[in-house]
């Protein structure tokens, strides 16, 4: 059991850390491009994991999930954004919010390609073949889960901010009241397995992309 836990953590950590770091870096990068340098001034325009670590979301929760046999999942410190620096606030908020999930989607596609290259061109008797396959597979799944989860339109997830960019003031105030119910709703989605039905098709899509890359390389 201990060996399985250690293996699960070692296999998952690279993909998980890279996923959350790329997610937050993308928020910071796009915010900077649209005119807000708040994240940059706070040292968040960086791919250094230490700049983004949230001890609960990046360390404690993922380790607990690994211990109980689940996928390592969590979050990093939210990137600070000051909309007063944006020229077009609605457009900027939409793209800054979408940047994190989009970064995870791009990483997932790249990992699918690397995984296909590994399977196609690397001999199976290579002594690190199996560990690399496990690490890349885990990275692909984690990035897909992080992207799709954050696109769910419940405050304070990125999907809600994308939608809020198109709302007027009164509608936005009503929409933000959902924040009170977001955590219980997420717990219900996870407890009932409904979240798996939402994310599952996208995991299958990732596997399909992996097999597509293999067919192209064959």
N, C-alpha and C. Protein backbone atom coordinates (compact mmCIF):
# COMPACT_ATOMS: atom_id res chain seq x y z
N UNK A 1 0.82 -1.21 0.00
CA UNK A 1 0.00 0.00 0.00
C UNK A 1 0.86 1.26 0.00
N UNK A 2 1.90 1.26 0.84
CA UNK A 2 2.80 2.42 0.91
C UNK A 2 3.51 2.61 -0.42
N UNK A 3 3.96 1.51 -1.01
CA UNK A 3 4.65 1.59 -2.30
C UNK A 3 3.72 2.13 -3.40
N UNK A 4 2.45 1.70 -3.37
CA UNK A 4 1.49 2.19 -4.34
C UNK A 4 1.25 3.69 -4.17
N UNK A 5 1.19 4.14 -2.92
CA UNK A 5 0.98 5.56 -2.63
C UNK A 5 2.16 6.38 -3.14
N UNK A 6 3.37 5.91 -2.85
CA UNK A 6 4.57 6.63 -3.30
C UNK A 6 4.62 6.69 -4.82
N UNK A 7 4.30 5.56 -5.48
CA UNK A 7 4.28 5.53 -6.94
C UNK A 7 3.25 6.50 -7.49
N UNK A 8 2.05 6.52 -6.89
CA UNK A 8 0.98 7.39 -7.36
C UNK A 8 1.39 8.86 -7.23
N UNK A 9 2.04 9.21 -6.13
CA UNK A 9 2.47 10.59 -5.91
C UNK A 9 3.57 10.97 -6.89
N UNK A 10 4.56 10.09 -7.05
CA UNK A 10 5.69 10.38 -7.95
C UNK A 10 5.23 10.51 -9.41
N UNK A 11 4.26 9.70 -9.78
CA UNK A 11 3.74 9.74 -11.15
C UNK A 11 2.92 10.99 -11.40
N UNK A 12 2.19 11.43 -10.37
CA UNK A 12 1.23 12.53 -10.55
C UNK A 12 1.82 13.92 -10.34
N UNK A 13 2.84 14.04 -9.48
CA UNK A 13 3.36 15.36 -9.11
C UNK A 13 3.82 16.19 -10.32
N UNK A 14 4.61 15.63 -11.26
CA UNK A 14 5.07 16.47 -12.38
C UNK A 14 3.91 17.07 -13.17
N UNK A 15 2.94 16.25 -13.54
CA UNK A 15 1.82 16.73 -14.32
C UNK A 15 0.95 17.70 -13.55
N UNK A 16 0.74 17.42 -12.27
CA UNK A 16 -0.11 18.29 -11.46
C UNK A 16 0.52 19.67 -11.28
N UNK A 17 1.78 19.71 -10.88
CA UNK A 17 2.46 20.99 -10.67
C UNK A 17 2.52 21.80 -11.96
N UNK A 18 2.86 21.12 -13.06
CA UNK A 18 2.95 21.83 -14.34
C UNK A 18 1.58 22.37 -14.76
N UNK A 19 0.53 21.60 -14.47
CA UNK A 19 -0.83 22.02 -14.84
C UNK A 19 -1.25 23.28 -14.09
N UNK A 20 -1.08 23.28 -12.76
CA UNK A 20 -1.54 24.44 -11.98
C UNK A 20 -0.66 25.66 -12.23
N UNK A 21 0.64 25.44 -12.45
CA UNK A 21 1.55 26.56 -12.71
C UNK A 21 1.22 27.19 -14.06
N UNK A 22 1.05 26.37 -15.10
CA UNK A 22 0.70 26.90 -16.42
C UNK A 22 -0.64 27.63 -16.39
N UNK A 23 -1.57 27.09 -15.62
CA UNK A 23 -2.90 27.69 -15.50
C UNK A 23 -2.79 29.12 -14.95
N UNK A 24 -2.08 29.27 -13.84
CA UNK A 24 -1.98 30.60 -13.22
C UNK A 24 -1.07 31.53 -14.02
N UNK A 25 0.01 30.98 -14.58
CA UNK A 25 0.89 31.81 -15.42
C UNK A 25 0.12 32.38 -16.60
N UNK A 26 -0.76 31.57 -17.20
CA UNK A 26 -1.53 32.03 -18.36
C UNK A 26 -2.45 33.18 -17.97
N UNK A 27 -3.11 33.08 -16.80
CA UNK A 27 -3.92 34.19 -16.31
C UNK A 27 -3.07 35.46 -16.21
N UNK A 28 -1.90 35.32 -15.59
CA UNK A 28 -1.03 36.48 -15.38
C UNK A 28 -0.53 37.06 -16.70
N UNK A 29 -0.15 36.17 -17.62
CA UNK A 29 0.40 36.61 -18.90
C UNK A 29 -0.63 37.39 -19.72
N UNK A 30 -1.85 36.85 -19.80
CA UNK A 30 -2.89 37.51 -20.60
C UNK A 30 -3.32 38.82 -19.94
N UNK A 31 -3.41 38.83 -18.61
CA UNK A 31 -3.74 40.07 -17.91
C UNK A 31 -2.69 41.15 -18.21
N UNK A 32 -1.43 40.75 -18.21
CA UNK A 32 -0.35 41.69 -18.52
C UNK A 32 -0.46 42.21 -19.95
N UNK A 33 -0.79 41.32 -20.88
CA UNK A 33 -0.94 41.72 -22.28
C UNK A 33 -2.09 42.70 -22.49
N UNK A 34 -3.12 42.58 -21.65
CA UNK A 34 -4.27 43.47 -21.77
C UNK A 34 -4.11 44.75 -20.95
N UNK A 35 -2.95 44.90 -20.29
CA UNK A 35 -2.67 46.17 -19.64
C UNK A 35 -2.63 46.18 -18.13
N UNK A 36 -2.87 45.05 -17.48
CA UNK A 36 -2.82 45.00 -16.02
C UNK A 36 -1.54 44.29 -15.57
N UNK A 37 -0.65 45.02 -14.90
CA UNK A 37 0.63 44.44 -14.48
C UNK A 37 0.63 44.03 -13.00
N UNK A 38 -0.58 43.91 -12.41
CA UNK A 38 -0.68 43.54 -10.99
C UNK A 38 -0.02 42.20 -10.71
N UNK A 39 -0.33 41.20 -11.53
CA UNK A 39 0.23 39.87 -11.33
C UNK A 39 1.76 39.89 -11.48
N UNK A 40 2.22 40.65 -12.46
CA UNK A 40 3.66 40.74 -12.68
C UNK A 40 4.34 41.37 -11.48
N UNK A 41 3.75 42.43 -10.91
CA UNK A 41 4.33 43.10 -9.74
C UNK A 41 4.34 42.19 -8.52
N UNK A 42 3.42 41.23 -8.49
CA UNK A 42 3.36 40.28 -7.38
C UNK A 42 4.18 39.02 -7.64
N UNK A 43 4.96 39.03 -8.71
CA UNK A 43 5.82 37.89 -9.01
C UNK A 43 5.11 36.68 -9.55
N UNK A 44 3.91 36.87 -10.11
CA UNK A 44 3.12 35.74 -10.58
C UNK A 44 3.30 35.46 -12.06
N UNK A 45 4.00 36.34 -12.77
CA UNK A 45 4.27 36.10 -14.19
C UNK A 45 5.53 35.23 -14.26
N UNK A 46 5.41 34.03 -13.72
CA UNK A 46 6.56 33.14 -13.55
C UNK A 46 6.11 31.69 -13.65
N UNK A 47 7.00 30.84 -14.15
CA UNK A 47 6.74 29.40 -14.20
C UNK A 47 7.38 28.68 -13.01
N UNK A 48 7.86 29.45 -12.06
CA UNK A 48 8.42 28.88 -10.83
C UNK A 48 7.26 28.44 -9.93
N UNK A 49 7.13 27.14 -9.62
CA UNK A 49 6.01 26.67 -8.79
C UNK A 49 5.90 27.39 -7.46
N UNK A 50 7.03 27.81 -6.88
CA UNK A 50 6.99 28.46 -5.58
C UNK A 50 6.23 29.79 -5.60
N UNK A 51 6.14 30.40 -6.79
CA UNK A 51 5.42 31.67 -6.90
C UNK A 51 3.91 31.47 -6.84
N UNK A 52 3.44 30.23 -7.04
CA UNK A 52 2.01 29.98 -7.17
C UNK A 52 1.44 29.05 -6.10
N UNK A 53 2.27 28.46 -5.28
CA UNK A 53 1.81 27.43 -4.34
C UNK A 53 0.82 27.97 -3.31
N UNK A 54 -0.29 27.27 -3.18
CA UNK A 54 -1.24 27.47 -2.09
C UNK A 54 -1.15 26.19 -1.26
N UNK A 55 -0.80 26.31 0.02
CA UNK A 55 -0.49 25.11 0.79
C UNK A 55 -1.66 24.14 0.89
N UNK A 56 -2.87 24.67 0.95
CA UNK A 56 -4.03 23.78 1.00
C UNK A 56 -4.31 23.17 -0.35
N UNK A 57 -4.41 24.01 -1.38
CA UNK A 57 -4.83 23.54 -2.71
C UNK A 57 -3.75 22.86 -3.52
N UNK A 58 -2.47 23.20 -3.26
CA UNK A 58 -1.38 22.66 -4.07
C UNK A 58 -0.62 21.55 -3.37
N UNK A 59 -0.76 21.45 -2.05
CA UNK A 59 0.01 20.46 -1.29
C UNK A 59 -0.89 19.51 -0.51
N UNK A 60 -1.67 20.05 0.42
CA UNK A 60 -2.42 19.20 1.35
C UNK A 60 -3.52 18.40 0.66
N UNK A 61 -4.41 19.09 -0.08
CA UNK A 61 -5.52 18.39 -0.74
C UNK A 61 -5.04 17.36 -1.76
N UNK A 62 -4.09 17.69 -2.65
CA UNK A 62 -3.61 16.68 -3.61
C UNK A 62 -3.03 15.44 -2.92
N UNK A 63 -2.31 15.64 -1.82
CA UNK A 63 -1.74 14.50 -1.10
C UNK A 63 -2.83 13.65 -0.46
N UNK A 64 -3.86 14.31 0.07
CA UNK A 64 -4.98 13.56 0.65
C UNK A 64 -5.68 12.73 -0.43
N UNK A 65 -5.90 13.35 -1.60
CA UNK A 65 -6.55 12.62 -2.70
C UNK A 65 -5.70 11.45 -3.16
N UNK A 66 -4.36 11.64 -3.21
CA UNK A 66 -3.47 10.55 -3.59
C UNK A 66 -3.53 9.43 -2.55
N UNK A 67 -3.63 9.81 -1.29
CA UNK A 67 -3.65 8.83 -0.20
C UNK A 67 -4.90 7.95 -0.27
N UNK A 68 -6.04 8.55 -0.66
CA UNK A 68 -7.28 7.76 -0.71
C UNK A 68 -7.48 7.10 -2.08
N UNK A 69 -6.47 7.25 -2.95
CA UNK A 69 -6.51 6.55 -4.23
C UNK A 69 -7.07 7.34 -5.38
N UNK A 70 -7.30 8.64 -5.19
CA UNK A 70 -7.85 9.45 -6.26
C UNK A 70 -6.77 10.16 -7.07
N UNK A 71 -7.22 10.89 -8.09
CA UNK A 71 -6.30 11.69 -8.90
C UNK A 71 -5.87 12.92 -8.11
N UNK A 72 -4.59 13.29 -8.23
CA UNK A 72 -4.13 14.51 -7.60
C UNK A 72 -4.82 15.70 -8.28
N UNK A 73 -5.49 16.49 -7.45
CA UNK A 73 -6.25 17.62 -7.98
C UNK A 73 -6.23 18.74 -6.95
N UNK A 74 -6.29 19.97 -7.41
CA UNK A 74 -6.27 21.09 -6.48
C UNK A 74 -6.18 22.41 -7.22
N UNK A 75 -5.56 23.37 -6.58
CA UNK A 75 -5.46 24.70 -7.17
C UNK A 75 -4.21 25.40 -6.65
N UNK A 76 -3.87 26.50 -7.29
CA UNK A 76 -2.78 27.36 -6.84
C UNK A 76 -3.38 28.68 -6.37
N UNK A 77 -2.54 29.57 -5.86
CA UNK A 77 -3.03 30.88 -5.43
C UNK A 77 -3.63 31.61 -6.62
N UNK A 78 -4.82 32.17 -6.45
CA UNK A 78 -5.42 32.94 -7.56
C UNK A 78 -4.53 34.12 -7.94
N UNK A 79 -4.44 34.37 -9.22
CA UNK A 79 -3.65 35.50 -9.71
C UNK A 79 -4.41 36.80 -9.45
N UNK A 80 -3.77 37.79 -8.84
CA UNK A 80 -4.44 39.07 -8.61
C UNK A 80 -4.63 39.84 -9.92
N UNK A 81 -5.83 40.32 -10.14
CA UNK A 81 -6.15 41.07 -11.35
C UNK A 81 -6.87 42.36 -10.97
N UNK A 82 -6.44 43.46 -11.54
CA UNK A 82 -7.09 44.76 -11.32
C UNK A 82 -7.65 45.23 -12.66
N UNK A 83 -8.97 45.12 -12.81
CA UNK A 83 -9.63 45.43 -14.08
C UNK A 83 -9.47 46.89 -14.49
N UNK A 84 -9.07 47.75 -13.56
CA UNK A 84 -8.90 49.17 -13.91
C UNK A 84 -7.78 49.37 -14.92
N UNK A 85 -6.92 48.37 -15.07
CA UNK A 85 -5.83 48.48 -16.05
C UNK A 85 -6.24 48.08 -17.46
N UNK A 86 -7.46 47.55 -17.61
CA UNK A 86 -7.92 47.10 -18.91
C UNK A 86 -8.59 48.23 -19.69
N UNK A 87 -8.33 48.28 -20.99
CA UNK A 87 -9.00 49.25 -21.85
C UNK A 87 -10.41 48.78 -22.18
N UNK A 88 -10.54 47.54 -22.57
CA UNK A 88 -11.85 46.93 -22.84
C UNK A 88 -12.09 45.89 -21.75
N UNK A 89 -12.82 46.28 -20.71
CA UNK A 89 -12.95 45.44 -19.52
C UNK A 89 -13.61 44.10 -19.81
N UNK A 90 -14.71 44.11 -20.54
CA UNK A 90 -15.44 42.87 -20.81
C UNK A 90 -14.59 41.88 -21.60
N UNK A 91 -13.98 42.35 -22.67
CA UNK A 91 -13.14 41.50 -23.49
C UNK A 91 -11.95 40.98 -22.68
N UNK A 92 -11.34 41.85 -21.90
CA UNK A 92 -10.16 41.48 -21.13
C UNK A 92 -10.48 40.44 -20.07
N UNK A 93 -11.58 40.65 -19.34
CA UNK A 93 -11.96 39.70 -18.29
C UNK A 93 -12.25 38.33 -18.89
N UNK A 94 -12.92 38.32 -20.04
CA UNK A 94 -13.22 37.04 -20.69
C UNK A 94 -11.94 36.28 -21.01
N UNK A 95 -10.99 36.95 -21.68
CA UNK A 95 -9.79 36.26 -22.12
C UNK A 95 -8.82 35.94 -20.98
N UNK A 96 -8.77 36.81 -19.99
CA UNK A 96 -7.93 36.51 -18.81
C UNK A 96 -8.48 35.28 -18.09
N UNK A 97 -9.80 35.20 -17.98
CA UNK A 97 -10.43 34.06 -17.31
C UNK A 97 -10.27 32.77 -18.11
N UNK A 98 -10.40 32.88 -19.44
CA UNK A 98 -10.30 31.70 -20.30
C UNK A 98 -8.85 31.22 -20.45
N UNK A 99 -7.90 32.11 -20.19
CA UNK A 99 -6.49 31.78 -20.42
C UNK A 99 -6.03 30.57 -19.62
N UNK A 100 -6.48 30.45 -18.37
CA UNK A 100 -6.05 29.32 -17.54
C UNK A 100 -6.50 27.98 -18.09
N UNK A 101 -7.82 27.78 -18.29
CA UNK A 101 -8.29 26.53 -18.89
C UNK A 101 -7.70 26.28 -20.28
N UNK A 102 -7.56 27.35 -21.08
CA UNK A 102 -6.99 27.18 -22.42
C UNK A 102 -5.56 26.68 -22.34
N UNK A 103 -4.79 27.19 -21.39
CA UNK A 103 -3.41 26.72 -21.20
C UNK A 103 -3.39 25.24 -20.89
N UNK A 104 -4.32 24.79 -20.04
CA UNK A 104 -4.38 23.36 -19.69
C UNK A 104 -4.78 22.51 -20.89
N UNK A 105 -5.66 23.03 -21.74
CA UNK A 105 -6.05 22.30 -22.95
C UNK A 105 -4.85 22.17 -23.89
N UNK A 106 -4.10 23.25 -24.06
CA UNK A 106 -2.91 23.22 -24.93
C UNK A 106 -1.88 22.23 -24.39
N UNK A 107 -1.66 22.28 -23.08
CA UNK A 107 -0.70 21.35 -22.47
C UNK A 107 -1.16 19.91 -22.66
N UNK A 108 -2.47 19.66 -22.48
CA UNK A 108 -3.00 18.31 -22.65
C UNK A 108 -2.77 17.79 -24.07
N UNK A 109 -2.95 18.65 -25.07
CA UNK A 109 -2.72 18.26 -26.47
C UNK A 109 -1.23 17.95 -26.69
N UNK A 110 -0.36 18.79 -26.15
CA UNK A 110 1.08 18.56 -26.30
C UNK A 110 1.49 17.25 -25.63
N UNK A 111 0.93 17.00 -24.44
CA UNK A 111 1.25 15.76 -23.73
C UNK A 111 0.74 14.55 -24.50
N UNK A 112 -0.44 14.66 -25.11
CA UNK A 112 -0.96 13.57 -25.96
C UNK A 112 0.02 13.26 -27.08
N UNK A 113 0.57 14.30 -27.69
CA UNK A 113 1.53 14.12 -28.77
C UNK A 113 2.81 13.45 -28.25
N UNK A 114 3.30 13.90 -27.11
CA UNK A 114 4.52 13.31 -26.53
C UNK A 114 4.29 11.85 -26.14
N UNK A 115 3.10 11.58 -25.62
CA UNK A 115 2.76 10.21 -25.24
C UNK A 115 2.72 9.30 -26.48
N UNK A 116 2.15 9.81 -27.56
CA UNK A 116 2.11 9.05 -28.81
C UNK A 116 3.53 8.82 -29.34
N UNK A 117 4.39 9.83 -29.26
CA UNK A 117 5.79 9.69 -29.68
C UNK A 117 6.49 8.63 -28.85
N UNK A 118 6.22 8.64 -27.54
CA UNK A 118 6.85 7.68 -26.64
C UNK A 118 6.44 6.25 -27.01
N UNK A 119 5.16 6.06 -27.22
CA UNK A 119 4.65 4.72 -27.54
C UNK A 119 5.13 4.26 -28.91
N UNK A 120 5.24 5.20 -29.86
CA UNK A 120 5.57 4.84 -31.24
C UNK A 120 7.06 4.62 -31.46
N UNK A 121 7.89 5.47 -30.86
CA UNK A 121 9.31 5.48 -31.22
C UNK A 121 10.27 4.95 -30.14
N UNK A 122 9.82 4.85 -28.91
CA UNK A 122 10.72 4.42 -27.84
C UNK A 122 10.54 2.92 -27.60
N UNK A 123 11.62 2.16 -27.60
CA UNK A 123 11.52 0.71 -27.36
C UNK A 123 10.92 0.42 -25.99
N UNK A 124 10.07 -0.59 -25.92
CA UNK A 124 9.40 -0.91 -24.66
C UNK A 124 10.35 -1.50 -23.63
N UNK A 125 11.52 -1.92 -24.06
CA UNK A 125 12.48 -2.43 -23.08
C UNK A 125 13.37 -1.32 -22.50
N UNK A 126 13.13 -0.08 -22.92
CA UNK A 126 13.82 1.06 -22.31
C UNK A 126 13.42 1.11 -20.85
N UNK A 127 14.40 1.21 -19.95
CA UNK A 127 14.13 1.01 -18.52
C UNK A 127 13.21 2.08 -17.90
N UNK A 128 13.05 3.22 -18.54
CA UNK A 128 12.15 4.26 -18.03
C UNK A 128 10.87 4.37 -18.85
N UNK A 129 10.65 3.39 -19.73
CA UNK A 129 9.48 3.45 -20.59
C UNK A 129 8.19 3.51 -19.78
N UNK A 130 8.01 2.59 -18.86
CA UNK A 130 6.77 2.52 -18.08
C UNK A 130 6.56 3.75 -17.20
N UNK A 131 7.60 4.22 -16.46
CA UNK A 131 7.40 5.45 -15.66
C UNK A 131 7.01 6.65 -16.51
N UNK A 132 7.65 6.82 -17.67
CA UNK A 132 7.32 7.96 -18.53
C UNK A 132 5.89 7.88 -19.05
N UNK A 133 5.46 6.66 -19.41
CA UNK A 133 4.08 6.48 -19.89
C UNK A 133 3.10 6.85 -18.79
N UNK A 134 3.37 6.42 -17.57
CA UNK A 134 2.48 6.73 -16.45
C UNK A 134 2.45 8.23 -16.15
N UNK A 135 3.61 8.86 -16.19
CA UNK A 135 3.70 10.30 -15.91
C UNK A 135 2.96 11.10 -16.98
N UNK A 136 3.18 10.77 -18.25
CA UNK A 136 2.53 11.50 -19.33
C UNK A 136 1.01 11.28 -19.34
N UNK A 137 0.59 10.05 -19.08
CA UNK A 137 -0.84 9.76 -19.03
C UNK A 137 -1.51 10.53 -17.90
N UNK A 138 -0.86 10.55 -16.74
CA UNK A 138 -1.38 11.29 -15.61
C UNK A 138 -1.45 12.79 -15.92
N UNK A 139 -0.40 13.32 -16.57
CA UNK A 139 -0.36 14.74 -16.91
C UNK A 139 -1.48 15.11 -17.87
N UNK A 140 -1.73 14.24 -18.85
CA UNK A 140 -2.81 14.49 -19.81
C UNK A 140 -4.15 14.56 -19.08
N UNK A 141 -4.42 13.59 -18.21
CA UNK A 141 -5.70 13.53 -17.52
C UNK A 141 -5.88 14.70 -16.56
N UNK A 142 -4.82 15.04 -15.83
CA UNK A 142 -4.91 16.14 -14.86
C UNK A 142 -5.20 17.46 -15.57
N UNK A 143 -4.52 17.71 -16.69
CA UNK A 143 -4.74 18.96 -17.42
C UNK A 143 -6.16 19.03 -17.98
N UNK A 144 -6.68 17.92 -18.47
CA UNK A 144 -8.04 17.90 -18.97
C UNK A 144 -9.03 18.17 -17.84
N UNK A 145 -8.84 17.49 -16.72
CA UNK A 145 -9.75 17.67 -15.57
C UNK A 145 -9.71 19.11 -15.08
N UNK A 146 -8.51 19.67 -14.96
CA UNK A 146 -8.37 21.05 -14.47
C UNK A 146 -9.04 22.04 -15.42
N UNK A 147 -8.87 21.82 -16.73
CA UNK A 147 -9.47 22.71 -17.72
C UNK A 147 -10.99 22.66 -17.66
N UNK A 148 -11.55 21.47 -17.73
CA UNK A 148 -13.01 21.33 -17.79
C UNK A 148 -13.65 21.74 -16.47
N UNK A 149 -13.03 21.37 -15.36
CA UNK A 149 -13.58 21.76 -14.05
C UNK A 149 -13.67 23.27 -13.93
N UNK A 150 -12.62 23.97 -14.36
CA UNK A 150 -12.61 25.43 -14.24
C UNK A 150 -13.55 26.11 -15.21
N UNK A 151 -13.99 25.41 -16.24
CA UNK A 151 -14.94 25.98 -17.19
C UNK A 151 -16.39 25.84 -16.73
N UNK A 152 -16.61 25.10 -15.64
CA UNK A 152 -17.96 25.00 -15.09
C UNK A 152 -18.40 26.39 -14.62
N UNK A 153 -19.58 26.85 -15.04
CA UNK A 153 -19.98 28.24 -14.77
C UNK A 153 -20.54 28.49 -13.37
N UNK A 154 -19.82 28.06 -12.34
CA UNK A 154 -20.17 28.36 -10.96
C UNK A 154 -19.12 29.28 -10.37
N UNK A 155 -19.52 30.40 -9.77
CA UNK A 155 -18.53 31.26 -9.10
C UNK A 155 -17.82 30.46 -8.01
N UNK A 156 -16.53 30.65 -7.79
CA UNK A 156 -15.65 31.62 -8.45
C UNK A 156 -14.80 31.01 -9.57
N UNK A 157 -15.25 29.93 -10.18
CA UNK A 157 -14.47 29.28 -11.23
C UNK A 157 -14.35 30.16 -12.47
N UNK A 158 -13.37 29.87 -13.29
CA UNK A 158 -13.10 30.70 -14.47
C UNK A 158 -14.30 30.80 -15.40
N UNK A 159 -15.04 29.71 -15.52
CA UNK A 159 -16.21 29.72 -16.40
C UNK A 159 -17.23 30.78 -16.01
N UNK A 160 -17.38 30.99 -14.70
CA UNK A 160 -18.33 32.01 -14.24
C UNK A 160 -17.86 33.41 -14.60
N UNK A 161 -16.55 33.63 -14.55
CA UNK A 161 -16.01 34.95 -14.88
C UNK A 161 -16.13 35.21 -16.39
N UNK A 162 -15.99 34.16 -17.18
CA UNK A 162 -16.16 34.31 -18.62
C UNK A 162 -17.59 34.74 -18.94
N UNK A 163 -18.56 34.10 -18.28
CA UNK A 163 -19.96 34.44 -18.51
C UNK A 163 -20.27 35.84 -17.97
N UNK A 164 -19.73 36.15 -16.81
CA UNK A 164 -20.03 37.44 -16.18
C UNK A 164 -19.56 38.62 -17.02
N UNK A 165 -18.58 38.38 -17.90
CA UNK A 165 -18.06 39.45 -18.75
C UNK A 165 -19.14 40.00 -19.69
N UNK A 166 -20.22 39.23 -19.90
CA UNK A 166 -21.28 39.64 -20.83
C UNK A 166 -22.55 40.08 -20.10
N UNK A 167 -22.49 40.14 -18.77
CA UNK A 167 -23.68 40.49 -17.99
C UNK A 167 -23.71 41.96 -17.63
N UNK A 168 -24.93 42.49 -17.51
CA UNK A 168 -25.04 43.85 -17.01
C UNK A 168 -24.94 43.83 -15.48
N UNK A 169 -24.94 45.00 -14.88
CA UNK A 169 -24.69 45.10 -13.44
C UNK A 169 -25.70 44.32 -12.61
N UNK A 170 -26.97 44.48 -12.89
CA UNK A 170 -28.01 43.83 -12.09
C UNK A 170 -27.96 42.31 -12.22
N UNK A 171 -27.78 41.85 -13.46
CA UNK A 171 -27.68 40.41 -13.67
C UNK A 171 -26.45 39.84 -12.98
N UNK A 172 -25.36 40.60 -13.02
CA UNK A 172 -24.12 40.15 -12.39
C UNK A 172 -24.29 40.02 -10.89
N UNK A 173 -24.96 40.98 -10.27
CA UNK A 173 -25.18 40.91 -8.82
C UNK A 173 -25.98 39.67 -8.43
N UNK A 174 -26.99 39.34 -9.23
CA UNK A 174 -27.79 38.15 -8.96
C UNK A 174 -26.96 36.88 -9.17
N UNK A 175 -26.16 36.90 -10.24
CA UNK A 175 -25.33 35.73 -10.56
C UNK A 175 -24.31 35.46 -9.46
N UNK A 176 -23.76 36.52 -8.90
CA UNK A 176 -22.73 36.37 -7.86
C UNK A 176 -23.28 35.78 -6.57
N UNK A 177 -24.60 35.83 -6.39
CA UNK A 177 -25.18 35.22 -5.20
C UNK A 177 -25.03 33.70 -5.21
N UNK A 178 -24.77 33.14 -6.40
CA UNK A 178 -24.54 31.69 -6.50
C UNK A 178 -23.30 31.26 -5.75
N UNK A 179 -22.41 32.21 -5.46
CA UNK A 179 -21.18 31.89 -4.74
C UNK A 179 -21.49 31.18 -3.43
N UNK A 180 -22.58 31.56 -2.79
CA UNK A 180 -22.99 30.95 -1.52
C UNK A 180 -23.23 29.46 -1.67
N UNK A 181 -23.69 29.06 -2.85
CA UNK A 181 -24.07 27.66 -3.05
C UNK A 181 -23.04 26.87 -3.84
N UNK A 182 -21.99 27.53 -4.30
CA UNK A 182 -21.03 26.86 -5.19
C UNK A 182 -20.35 25.67 -4.53
N UNK A 183 -19.86 25.87 -3.32
CA UNK A 183 -19.14 24.78 -2.65
C UNK A 183 -20.04 23.57 -2.40
N UNK A 184 -21.24 23.75 -1.82
CA UNK A 184 -22.13 22.59 -1.66
C UNK A 184 -22.47 21.91 -2.98
N UNK A 185 -22.69 22.71 -4.03
CA UNK A 185 -23.01 22.13 -5.34
C UNK A 185 -21.85 21.28 -5.84
N UNK A 186 -20.60 21.78 -5.69
CA UNK A 186 -19.44 21.02 -6.13
C UNK A 186 -19.30 19.72 -5.34
N UNK A 187 -19.57 19.79 -4.04
CA UNK A 187 -19.50 18.58 -3.21
C UNK A 187 -20.51 17.55 -3.69
N UNK A 188 -21.72 18.01 -4.01
CA UNK A 188 -22.77 17.09 -4.51
C UNK A 188 -22.35 16.49 -5.84
N UNK A 189 -21.78 17.32 -6.73
CA UNK A 189 -21.35 16.82 -8.04
C UNK A 189 -20.29 15.73 -7.89
N UNK A 190 -19.36 15.94 -6.95
CA UNK A 190 -18.29 14.95 -6.74
C UNK A 190 -18.82 13.73 -6.02
N UNK A 191 -19.66 13.93 -5.01
CA UNK A 191 -20.16 12.83 -4.19
C UNK A 191 -21.06 11.89 -4.99
N UNK A 192 -21.86 12.46 -5.87
CA UNK A 192 -22.80 11.65 -6.66
C UNK A 192 -22.16 11.05 -7.92
N UNK A 193 -20.96 11.52 -8.24
CA UNK A 193 -20.31 11.05 -9.45
C UNK A 193 -20.70 11.82 -10.69
N UNK A 194 -21.57 12.86 -10.51
CA UNK A 194 -22.02 13.64 -11.66
C UNK A 194 -20.86 14.37 -12.32
N UNK A 195 -19.88 14.76 -11.51
CA UNK A 195 -18.72 15.46 -12.08
C UNK A 195 -17.98 14.57 -13.06
N UNK A 196 -17.95 13.26 -12.76
CA UNK A 196 -17.31 12.32 -13.66
C UNK A 196 -18.02 12.24 -15.00
N UNK A 197 -19.36 12.38 -14.99
CA UNK A 197 -20.11 12.37 -16.24
C UNK A 197 -19.83 13.62 -17.07
N UNK A 198 -19.50 14.72 -16.38
CA UNK A 198 -19.17 15.96 -17.09
C UNK A 198 -17.79 15.88 -17.71
N UNK A 199 -16.83 15.39 -16.93
CA UNK A 199 -15.43 15.38 -17.35
C UNK A 199 -15.08 14.15 -18.17
N UNK A 200 -15.76 13.02 -17.90
CA UNK A 200 -15.45 11.75 -18.56
C UNK A 200 -15.35 11.82 -20.08
N UNK A 201 -16.31 12.45 -20.76
CA UNK A 201 -16.24 12.51 -22.23
C UNK A 201 -14.98 13.23 -22.74
N UNK A 202 -14.50 14.19 -21.96
CA UNK A 202 -13.31 14.93 -22.39
C UNK A 202 -12.04 14.10 -22.17
N UNK A 203 -12.05 13.25 -21.15
CA UNK A 203 -10.95 12.29 -20.98
C UNK A 203 -10.92 11.34 -22.17
N UNK A 204 -12.10 10.87 -22.58
CA UNK A 204 -12.21 10.01 -23.75
C UNK A 204 -11.72 10.72 -25.01
N UNK A 205 -12.04 12.02 -25.10
CA UNK A 205 -11.58 12.81 -26.25
C UNK A 205 -10.05 12.90 -26.25
N UNK A 206 -9.46 13.05 -25.07
CA UNK A 206 -8.00 13.07 -24.97
C UNK A 206 -7.40 11.74 -25.40
N UNK A 207 -8.00 10.64 -24.98
CA UNK A 207 -7.53 9.32 -25.40
C UNK A 207 -7.67 9.15 -26.91
N UNK A 208 -8.77 9.69 -27.46
CA UNK A 208 -8.96 9.61 -28.90
C UNK A 208 -7.90 10.40 -29.65
N UNK A 209 -7.53 11.56 -29.11
CA UNK A 209 -6.48 12.37 -29.73
C UNK A 209 -5.14 11.64 -29.69
N UNK A 210 -4.88 10.97 -28.57
CA UNK A 210 -3.67 10.17 -28.43
C UNK A 210 -3.60 9.10 -29.51
N UNK A 211 -4.69 8.38 -29.71
CA UNK A 211 -4.71 7.33 -30.73
C UNK A 211 -4.64 7.91 -32.14
N UNK A 212 -5.19 9.12 -32.32
CA UNK A 212 -5.07 9.78 -33.61
C UNK A 212 -3.62 10.10 -33.94
N UNK A 213 -2.89 10.61 -32.95
CA UNK A 213 -1.46 10.92 -33.16
C UNK A 213 -0.68 9.65 -33.49
N UNK A 214 -1.03 8.55 -32.82
CA UNK A 214 -0.35 7.28 -33.09
C UNK A 214 -0.62 6.84 -34.54
N UNK A 215 -1.87 6.99 -34.98
CA UNK A 215 -2.21 6.57 -36.34
C UNK A 215 -1.48 7.42 -37.38
N UNK A 216 -1.27 8.69 -37.09
CA UNK A 216 -0.57 9.59 -38.00
C UNK A 216 0.92 9.21 -38.08
N UNK A 217 1.48 8.80 -36.95
CA UNK A 217 2.90 8.48 -36.87
C UNK A 217 3.21 7.08 -37.42
N UNK A 218 2.21 6.23 -37.44
CA UNK A 218 2.45 4.84 -37.86
C UNK A 218 2.87 4.76 -39.33
